[in-house]
Amino acid sequence: MLKAFLKTLIPLFLLIAGGVYLDSVFFLDQFNHGQEVATFSLWAIFFTLFYFLPSRYKEQMFYAVLIGVAGEYLFSLGLKMYQYRLENIPHYIPPGHAIIYIAAVYFNKNTAIKLHQKLIEKIFLAIIIVFWTYFLLFKNDVFGFLLTAVVLYILHNKPRERLFYYTMYLVVAYLELVGTFYKCWEWPPYAFRFIEFLPSANPPSGISLFYFGLDLGCLWLYKKRHTVAWNRMKKVRYIKLTKPL
């Protein structure tokens, strides 16, 4: 099980810390083109992964980039939900979304993770609850509290997807903590800057709810392009579930 973490989530956390640092105010004191370096680095990693991945995952990474671009322009520039340091959409963000998505997919498909799925779910859920409660009590994060409540409510009756989205929750929480600490982006004190009865932390907990749209969008696009194969897979899964012991 440790090998699964070492192959997926640990490298992802290191990549996030290093990649986002290049666009930070701290690196800016040393080099004035950190965002360009971050962009080159993240796209290089994206294309390296893309080259070695099976075609199915290549396609989903491509969709993740497209959905990531649309989501960033909608939520950041359109709805002003959060703002980047230079008030733009950094070009390293879309491939970053795709890398996070595919790392979470591979982590959850690992055999050792599947064997210990229930245990890992309980550990991840405990971390989420502690994180969620701390932000509500000590950072007045009502917006994040509401988002996390929605996440947990949705996942309550979705055991097949639960671990994947718990994983995404924690990865995104880490990403947001690193990004806001480095001052690469910031969240306003209220949800969407104007909903004053929903005070928000910087970052709000539970923001991974919006990342769920990334996964659902990738799956929807993939199913639309491969309808026959997807329906065949659903039939095989149904047969396995209903086959008498």
C-alpha atoms as a PDB file:
ATOM      1  CA  MET A   1       0.000   0.000   0.000  1.00  0.00           C
ATOM      2  CA  LEU A   2       2.889   2.360   0.790  1.00  0.00           C
ATOM      3  CA  LYS A   3       4.224   1.830  -2.739  1.00  0.00           C
ATOM      4  CA  ALA A   4       0.938   3.137  -4.151  1.00  0.00           C
ATOM      5  CA  PHE A   5       1.360   6.371  -2.200  1.00  0.00           C
ATOM      6  CA  LEU A   6       5.010   6.651  -3.230  1.00  0.00           C
ATOM      7  CA  LYS A   7       4.135   6.184  -6.910  1.00  0.00           C
ATOM      8  CA  THR A   8       1.182   8.570  -7.086  1.00  0.00           C
ATOM      9  CA  LEU A   9       0.195  10.928  -4.273  1.00  0.00           C
ATOM     10  CA  ILE A  10       3.631  11.643  -2.784  1.00  0.00           C
ATOM     11  CA  PRO A  11       5.155  12.674  -6.156  1.00  0.00           C
ATOM     12  CA  LEU A  12       1.985  14.677  -6.827  1.00  0.00           C
ATOM     13  CA  PHE A  13       2.321  16.567  -3.524  1.00  0.00           C
ATOM     14  CA  LEU A  14       5.996  17.291  -4.266  1.00  0.00           C
ATOM     15  CA  LEU A  15       5.113  18.446  -7.784  1.00  0.00           C
ATOM     16  CA  ILE A  16       2.420  20.770  -6.439  1.00  0.00           C
ATOM     17  CA  ALA A  17       4.766  22.265  -3.843  1.00  0.00           C
ATOM     18  CA  GLY A  18       7.576  22.756  -6.363  1.00  0.00           C
ATOM     19  CA  GLY A  19       5.491  23.811  -9.355  1.00  0.00           C
ATOM     20  CA  VAL A  20       3.365  26.357  -7.526  1.00  0.00           C
ATOM     21  CA  TYR A  21       6.445  27.774  -5.771  1.00  0.00           C
ATOM     22  CA  LEU A  22       7.773  28.894  -9.155  1.00  0.00           C
ATOM     23  CA  ASP A  23       4.817  31.294  -9.416  1.00  0.00           C
ATOM     24  CA  SER A  24       5.048  32.425  -5.785  1.00  0.00           C
ATOM     25  CA  VAL A  25       5.903  35.848  -4.393  1.00  0.00           C
ATOM     26  CA  PHE A  26       8.889  34.190  -2.729  1.00  0.00           C
ATOM     27  CA  PHE A  27      10.395  33.025  -6.022  1.00  0.00           C
ATOM     28  CA  LEU A  28       9.531  36.392  -7.565  1.00  0.00           C
ATOM     29  CA  ASP A  29      12.165  37.981  -5.312  1.00  0.00           C
ATOM     30  CA  GLN A  30      14.778  35.826  -7.026  1.00  0.00           C
ATOM     31  CA  PHE A  31      13.498  35.606 -10.598  1.00  0.00           C
ATOM     32  CA  ASN A  32      10.960  37.753 -12.418  1.00  0.00           C
ATOM     33  CA  HIS A  33       9.627  35.114 -14.826  1.00  0.00           C
ATOM     34  CA  GLY A  34       8.551  32.381 -12.447  1.00  0.00           C
ATOM     35  CA  GLN A  35       5.136  31.953 -14.021  1.00  0.00           C
ATOM     36  CA  GLU A  36       6.722  31.232 -17.396  1.00  0.00           C
ATOM     37  CA  VAL A  37       9.049  28.672 -15.806  1.00  0.00           C
ATOM     38  CA  ALA A  38       6.079  27.041 -14.040  1.00  0.00           C
ATOM     39  CA  THR A  39       4.193  26.926 -17.339  1.00  0.00           C
ATOM     40  CA  PHE A  40       7.079  25.281 -19.189  1.00  0.00           C
ATOM     41  CA  SER A  41       7.646  22.786 -16.363  1.00  0.00           C
ATOM     42  CA  LEU A  42       3.998  21.727 -15.973  1.00  0.00           C
ATOM     43  CA  TRP A  43       3.448  21.332 -19.710  1.00  0.00           C
ATOM     44  CA  ALA A  44       6.663  19.295 -19.992  1.00  0.00           C
ATOM     45  CA  ILE A  45       5.433  16.964 -17.249  1.00  0.00           C
ATOM     46  CA  PHE A  46       1.986  16.827 -18.849  1.00  0.00           C
ATOM     47  CA  PHE A  47       3.369  15.740 -22.240  1.00  0.00           C
ATOM     48  CA  THR A  48       5.736  13.237 -20.633  1.00  0.00           C
ATOM     49  CA  LEU A  49       2.819  11.562 -18.837  1.00  0.00           C
ATOM     50  CA  PHE A  50       0.688  11.849 -21.953  1.00  0.00           C
ATOM     51  CA  TYR A  51       3.316  10.003 -23.994  1.00  0.00           C
ATOM     52  CA  PHE A  52       3.480   7.002 -21.661  1.00  0.00           C
ATOM     53  CA  LEU A  53      -0.188   6.658 -20.707  1.00  0.00           C
ATOM     54  CA  PRO A  54      -2.666   4.284 -22.414  1.00  0.00           C
ATOM     55  CA  SER A  55      -4.880   5.917 -25.045  1.00  0.00           C
ATOM     56  CA  ARG A  56      -7.925   5.981 -22.757  1.00  0.00           C
ATOM     57  CA  TYR A  57      -6.118   8.108 -20.186  1.00  0.00           C
ATOM     58  CA  LYS A  58      -4.555  10.300 -22.858  1.00  0.00           C
ATOM     59  CA  GLU A  59      -8.040  11.166 -24.009  1.00  0.00           C
ATOM     60  CA  GLN A  60      -9.229  11.930 -20.493  1.00  0.00           C
ATOM     61  CA  MET A  61      -6.186  14.138 -19.824  1.00  0.00           C
ATOM     62  CA  PHE A  62      -7.007  16.069 -22.985  1.00  0.00           C
ATOM     63  CA  TYR A  63     -10.590  16.534 -21.791  1.00  0.00           C
ATOM     64  CA  ALA A  64      -9.335  17.606 -18.357  1.00  0.00           C
ATOM     65  CA  VAL A  65      -7.303  20.397 -19.967  1.00  0.00           C
ATOM     66  CA  LEU A  66     -10.284  21.626 -21.983  1.00  0.00           C
ATOM     67  CA  ILE A  67     -12.636  21.548 -18.994  1.00  0.00           C
ATOM     68  CA  GLY A  68      -9.958  23.127 -16.808  1.00  0.00           C
ATOM     69  CA  VAL A  69      -9.600  26.081 -19.200  1.00  0.00           C
ATOM     70  CA  ALA A  70     -13.368  26.594 -19.366  1.00  0.00           C
ATOM     71  CA  GLY A  71     -13.738  26.303 -15.590  1.00  0.00           C
ATOM     72  CA  GLU A  72     -10.926  28.752 -14.862  1.00  0.00           C
ATOM     73  CA  TYR A  73     -12.312  31.422 -17.153  1.00  0.00           C
ATOM     74  CA  LEU A  74     -15.817  30.930 -15.767  1.00  0.00           C
ATOM     75  CA  PHE A  75     -15.053  30.844 -12.047  1.00  0.00           C
ATOM     76  CA  SER A  76     -12.027  33.151 -11.867  1.00  0.00           C
ATOM     77  CA  LEU A  77     -12.455  35.790 -14.569  1.00  0.00           C
ATOM     78  CA  GLY A  78     -16.218  35.470 -15.000  1.00  0.00           C
ATOM     79  CA  LEU A  79     -17.669  34.941 -11.533  1.00  0.00           C
ATOM     80  CA  LYS A  80     -14.670  36.401  -9.642  1.00  0.00           C
ATOM     81  CA  MET A  81     -14.758  33.415  -7.286  1.00  0.00           C
ATOM     82  CA  TYR A  82     -10.988  33.704  -6.732  1.00  0.00           C
ATOM     83  CA  GLN A  83      -8.142  35.706  -8.253  1.00  0.00           C
ATOM     84  CA  TYR A  84      -4.642  34.823  -9.413  1.00  0.00           C
ATOM     85  CA  ARG A  85      -1.597  36.898  -8.481  1.00  0.00           C
ATOM     86  CA  LEU A  86      -1.348  38.621 -11.877  1.00  0.00           C
ATOM     87  CA  GLU A  87      -5.160  38.711 -12.351  1.00  0.00           C
ATOM     88  CA  ASN A  88      -4.844  36.314 -15.284  1.00  0.00           C
ATOM     89  CA  ILE A  89      -5.247  32.578 -15.841  1.00  0.00           C
ATOM     90  CA  PRO A  90      -1.716  31.164 -15.587  1.00  0.00           C
ATOM     91  CA  HIS A  91      -0.999  28.793 -18.455  1.00  0.00           C
ATOM     92  CA  TYR A  92       0.326  26.120 -16.083  1.00  0.00           C
ATOM     93  CA  ILE A  93      -3.071  25.707 -14.425  1.00  0.00           C
ATOM     94  CA  PRO A  94      -4.891  23.604 -17.111  1.00  0.00           C
ATOM     95  CA  PRO A  95      -2.164  20.921 -17.366  1.00  0.00           C
ATOM     96  CA  GLY A  96      -1.985  20.986 -13.576  1.00  0.00           C
ATOM     97  CA  HIS A  97      -5.671  20.066 -13.405  1.00  0.00           C
ATOM     98  CA  ALA A  98      -5.084  17.148 -15.768  1.00  0.00           C
ATOM     99  CA  ILE A  99      -2.065  15.885 -13.804  1.00  0.00           C
ATOM    100  CA  ILE A 100      -3.998  15.992 -10.513  1.00  0.00           C
ATOM    101  CA  TYR A 101      -6.919  14.179 -12.097  1.00  0.00           C
ATOM    102  CA  ILE A 102      -4.867  11.367 -13.633  1.00  0.00           C
ATOM    103  CA  ALA A 103      -2.773  10.888 -10.474  1.00  0.00           C
ATOM    104  CA  ALA A 104      -5.971  10.419  -8.428  1.00  0.00           C
ATOM    105  CA  VAL A 105      -7.270   7.948 -11.025  1.00  0.00           C
ATOM    106  CA  TYR A 106      -4.090   5.860 -10.901  1.00  0.00           C
ATOM    107  CA  PHE A 107      -3.979   5.933  -7.107  1.00  0.00           C
ATOM    108  CA  ASN A 108      -7.505   4.542  -6.879  1.00  0.00           C
ATOM    109  CA  LYS A 109      -6.873   1.861  -9.497  1.00  0.00           C
ATOM    110  CA  ASN A 110      -3.852   0.478  -7.656  1.00  0.00           C
ATOM    111  CA  THR A 111      -4.454  -3.125  -6.508  1.00  0.00           C
ATOM    112  CA  ALA A 112      -3.112  -2.525  -2.997  1.00  0.00           C
ATOM    113  CA  ILE A 113      -5.373   0.497  -2.582  1.00  0.00           C
ATOM    114  CA  LYS A 114      -8.390  -1.533  -3.675  1.00  0.00           C
ATOM    115  CA  LEU A 115      -7.550  -4.250  -1.141  1.00  0.00           C
ATOM    116  CA  HIS A 116      -7.460  -1.698   1.696  1.00  0.00           C
ATOM    117  CA  GLN A 117     -10.134   0.597   0.306  1.00  0.00           C
ATOM    118  CA  LYS A 118     -12.410   0.635   3.366  1.00  0.00           C
ATOM    119  CA  LEU A 119      -9.547   1.416   5.730  1.00  0.00           C
ATOM    120  CA  ILE A 120      -8.212   4.199   3.520  1.00  0.00           C
ATOM    121  CA  GLU A 121     -11.698   5.653   3.170  1.00  0.00           C
ATOM    122  CA  LYS A 122     -12.041   5.848   6.953  1.00  0.00           C
ATOM    123  CA  ILE A 123      -8.624   7.490   7.340  1.00  0.00           C
ATOM    124  CA  PHE A 124      -9.302  10.007   4.570  1.00  0.00           C
ATOM    125  CA  LEU A 125     -12.756  10.785   5.956  1.00  0.00           C
ATOM    126  CA  ALA A 126     -11.309  11.386   9.429  1.00  0.00           C
ATOM    127  CA  ILE A 127      -8.750  13.824   7.974  1.00  0.00           C
ATOM    128  CA  ILE A 128     -11.477  15.597   6.011  1.00  0.00           C
ATOM    129  CA  ILE A 129     -13.667  16.001   9.096  1.00  0.00           C
ATOM    130  CA  VAL A 130     -10.788  17.396  11.168  1.00  0.00           C
ATOM    131  CA  PHE A 131      -9.821  19.795   8.370  1.00  0.00           C
ATOM    132  CA  TRP A 132     -13.425  20.822   7.794  1.00  0.00           C
ATOM    133  CA  THR A 133     -14.115  21.410  11.500  1.00  0.00           C
ATOM    134  CA  TYR A 134     -10.893  23.363  12.077  1.00  0.00           C
ATOM    135  CA  PHE A 135     -11.646  25.742   9.207  1.00  0.00           C
ATOM    136  CA  LEU A 136     -15.197  26.318  10.415  1.00  0.00           C
ATOM    137  CA  LEU A 137     -14.287  26.934  14.061  1.00  0.00           C
ATOM    138  CA  PHE A 138     -11.044  28.865  13.666  1.00  0.00           C
ATOM    139  CA  LYS A 139     -11.371  30.522  10.241  1.00  0.00           C
ATOM    140  CA  ASN A 140     -15.146  31.118  10.155  1.00  0.00           C
ATOM    141  CA  ASP A 141     -15.279  29.180   6.892  1.00  0.00           C
ATOM    142  CA  VAL A 142     -19.035  28.854   6.464  1.00  0.00           C
ATOM    143  CA  PHE A 143     -18.731  28.662   2.673  1.00  0.00           C
ATOM    144  CA  GLY A 144     -16.234  25.800   2.874  1.00  0.00           C
ATOM    145  CA  PHE A 145     -18.345  24.083   5.531  1.00  0.00           C
ATOM    146  CA  LEU A 146     -21.341  24.139   3.200  1.00  0.00           C
ATOM    147  CA  LEU A 147     -19.321  22.838   0.246  1.00  0.00           C
ATOM    148  CA  THR A 148     -17.868  19.975   2.296  1.00  0.00           C
ATOM    149  CA  ALA A 149     -21.317  19.093   3.627  1.00  0.00           C
ATOM    150  CA  VAL A 150     -22.545  18.815   0.029  1.00  0.00           C
ATOM    151  CA  VAL A 151     -19.548  16.632  -0.877  1.00  0.00           C
ATOM    152  CA  LEU A 152     -20.146  14.226   2.005  1.00  0.00           C
ATOM    153  CA  TYR A 153     -23.886  14.113   1.352  1.00  0.00           C
ATOM    154  CA  ILE A 154     -23.388  13.235  -2.319  1.00  0.00           C
ATOM    155  CA  LEU A 155     -20.818  10.536  -1.522  1.00  0.00           C
ATOM    156  CA  HIS A 156     -22.875   8.941   1.255  1.00  0.00           C
ATOM    157  CA  ASN A 157     -24.753   6.747  -1.229  1.00  0.00           C
ATOM    158  CA  LYS A 158     -21.979   6.384  -3.820  1.00  0.00           C
ATOM    159  CA  PRO A 159     -19.579   3.742  -2.456  1.00  0.00           C
ATOM    160  CA  ARG A 160     -17.911   3.093  -5.831  1.00  0.00           C
ATOM    161  CA  GLU A 161     -16.845   6.732  -6.262  1.00  0.00           C
ATOM    162  CA  ARG A 162     -16.241   7.565  -2.601  1.00  0.00           C
ATOM    163  CA  LEU A 163     -12.506   6.910  -2.314  1.00  0.00           C
ATOM    164  CA  PHE A 164     -11.708   8.703  -5.554  1.00  0.00           C
ATOM    165  CA  TYR A 165     -13.495  11.860  -4.426  1.00  0.00           C
ATOM    166  CA  TYR A 166     -12.057  11.667  -0.913  1.00  0.00           C
ATOM    167  CA  THR A 167      -8.659  11.544  -2.597  1.00  0.00           C
ATOM    168  CA  MET A 168      -9.504  14.521  -4.785  1.00  0.00           C
ATOM    169  CA  TYR A 169     -10.767  16.436  -1.747  1.00  0.00           C
ATOM    170  CA  LEU A 170      -7.478  16.027   0.102  1.00  0.00           C
ATOM    171  CA  VAL A 171      -5.282  16.710  -2.929  1.00  0.00           C
ATOM    172  CA  VAL A 172      -7.220  19.871  -3.759  1.00  0.00           C
ATOM    173  CA  ALA A 173      -7.156  20.999  -0.113  1.00  0.00           C
ATOM    174  CA  TYR A 174      -3.361  20.607  -0.134  1.00  0.00           C
ATOM    175  CA  LEU A 175      -3.093  22.427  -3.477  1.00  0.00           C
ATOM    176  CA  GLU A 176      -5.185  25.319  -2.180  1.00  0.00           C
ATOM    177  CA  LEU A 177      -3.222  25.604   1.059  1.00  0.00           C
ATOM    178  CA  VAL A 178       0.068  25.687  -0.844  1.00  0.00           C
ATOM    179  CA  GLY A 179      -1.178  28.106  -3.513  1.00  0.00           C
ATOM    180  CA  THR A 180      -2.637  30.607  -1.067  1.00  0.00           C
ATOM    181  CA  PHE A 181       0.396  30.371   1.232  1.00  0.00           C
ATOM    182  CA  TYR A 182       2.637  31.186  -1.732  1.00  0.00           C
ATOM    183  CA  LYS A 183       0.174  33.979  -2.669  1.00  0.00           C
ATOM    184  CA  CYS A 184      -0.237  32.609  -6.189  1.00  0.00           C
ATOM    185  CA  TRP A 185      -3.964  33.187  -5.811  1.00  0.00           C
ATOM    186  CA  GLU A 186      -6.413  34.280  -3.156  1.00  0.00           C
ATOM    187  CA  TRP A 187     -10.026  33.784  -2.167  1.00  0.00           C
ATOM    188  CA  PRO A 188     -12.224  36.690  -1.076  1.00  0.00           C
ATOM    189  CA  PRO A 189     -13.670  36.884   2.473  1.00  0.00           C
ATOM    190  CA  TYR A 190     -17.136  35.998   1.152  1.00  0.00           C
ATOM    191  CA  ALA A 191     -18.378  33.415  -1.326  1.00  0.00           C
ATOM    192  CA  PHE A 192     -18.204  34.877  -4.848  1.00  0.00           C
ATOM    193  CA  ARG A 193     -17.099  38.179  -3.208  1.00  0.00           C
ATOM    194  CA  PHE A 194     -20.639  39.369  -2.471  1.00  0.00           C
ATOM    195  CA  ILE A 195     -22.587  36.674  -0.562  1.00  0.00           C
ATOM    196  CA  GLU A 196     -21.940  38.102   2.894  1.00  0.00           C
ATOM    197  CA  PHE A 197     -23.897  35.458   4.788  1.00  0.00           C
ATOM    198  CA  LEU A 198     -21.360  32.900   3.501  1.00  0.00           C
ATOM    199  CA  PRO A 199     -17.999  34.015   4.920  1.00  0.00           C
ATOM    200  CA  SER A 200     -15.057  32.154   3.425  1.00  0.00           C
ATOM    201  CA  ALA A 201     -11.541  31.256   4.463  1.00  0.00           C
ATOM    202  CA  ASN A 202      -8.578  31.712   2.141  1.00  0.00           C
ATOM    203  CA  PRO A 203      -8.841  29.006   0.866  1.00  0.00           C
ATOM    204  CA  PRO A 204     -12.292  27.613   1.688  1.00  0.00           C
ATOM    205  CA  SER A 205     -12.409  23.949   2.622  1.00  0.00           C
ATOM    206  CA  GLY A 206     -14.499  21.758   0.368  1.00  0.00           C
ATOM    207  CA  ILE A 207     -13.606  23.610  -2.811  1.00  0.00           C
ATOM    208  CA  SER A 208     -12.957  20.193  -4.342  1.00  0.00           C
ATOM    209  CA  LEU A 209     -16.711  20.075  -5.005  1.00  0.00           C
ATOM    210  CA  PHE A 210     -15.997  22.095  -8.144  1.00  0.00           C
ATOM    211  CA  TYR A 211     -13.290  19.622  -9.168  1.00  0.00           C
ATOM    212  CA  PHE A 212     -15.955  16.938  -9.240  1.00  0.00           C
ATOM    213  CA  GLY A 213     -17.249  18.652 -12.339  1.00  0.00           C
ATOM    214  CA  LEU A 214     -13.848  17.999 -13.928  1.00  0.00           C
ATOM    215  CA  ASP A 215     -14.176  14.260 -13.389  1.00  0.00           C
ATOM    216  CA  LEU A 216     -17.826  14.122 -14.423  1.00  0.00           C
ATOM    217  CA  GLY A 217     -17.084  16.176 -17.515  1.00  0.00           C
ATOM    218  CA  CYS A 218     -14.187  13.930 -18.543  1.00  0.00           C
ATOM    219  CA  LEU A 219     -16.319  10.815 -18.106  1.00  0.00           C
ATOM    220  CA  TRP A 220     -19.251  12.330 -19.979  1.00  0.00           C
ATOM    221  CA  LEU A 221     -17.087  13.302 -22.960  1.00  0.00           C
ATOM    222  CA  TYR A 222     -15.402   9.894 -22.957  1.00  0.00           C
ATOM    223  CA  LYS A 223     -18.760   8.082 -22.874  1.00  0.00           C
ATOM    224  CA  LYS A 224     -20.091  10.207 -25.712  1.00  0.00           C
ATOM    225  CA  ARG A 225     -17.125   9.257 -27.894  1.00  0.00           C
ATOM    226  CA  HIS A 226     -17.187   5.563 -26.923  1.00  0.00           C
ATOM    227  CA  THR A 227     -20.867   4.774 -26.411  1.00  0.00           C
ATOM    228  CA  VAL A 228     -20.707   1.131 -27.556  1.00  0.00           C
ATOM    229  CA  ALA A 229     -17.676   0.225 -25.449  1.00  0.00           C
ATOM    230  CA  TRP A 230     -19.099   2.036 -22.415  1.00  0.00           C
ATOM    231  CA  ASN A 231     -22.454   0.209 -22.640  1.00  0.00           C
ATOM    232  CA  ARG A 232     -20.630  -3.103 -23.004  1.00  0.00           C
ATOM    233  CA  MET A 233     -18.612  -2.379 -19.866  1.00  0.00           C
ATOM    234  CA  LYS A 234     -21.803  -1.506 -17.946  1.00  0.00           C
ATOM    235  CA  LYS A 235     -23.385  -4.815 -18.983  1.00  0.00           C
ATOM    236  CA  VAL A 236     -20.319  -6.780 -17.859  1.00  0.00           C
ATOM    237  CA  ARG A 237     -20.317  -4.931 -14.521  1.00  0.00           C
ATOM    238  CA  TYR A 238     -24.037  -5.637 -14.056  1.00  0.00           C
ATOM    239  CA  ILE A 239     -23.555  -9.336 -14.753  1.00  0.00           C
ATOM    240  CA  LYS A 240     -20.738  -9.532 -12.193  1.00  0.00           C
ATOM    241  CA  LEU A 241     -22.830  -7.776  -9.561  1.00  0.00           C
ATOM    242  CA  THR A 242     -25.933  -9.919 -10.103  1.00  0.00           C
ATOM    243  CA  LYS A 243     -24.167 -13.251 -10.633  1.00  0.00           C
ATOM    244  CA  PRO A 244     -25.171 -15.678  -7.828  1.00  0.00           C
ATOM    245  CA  LEU A 245     -22.384 -16.848  -5.538  1.00  0.00           C
END
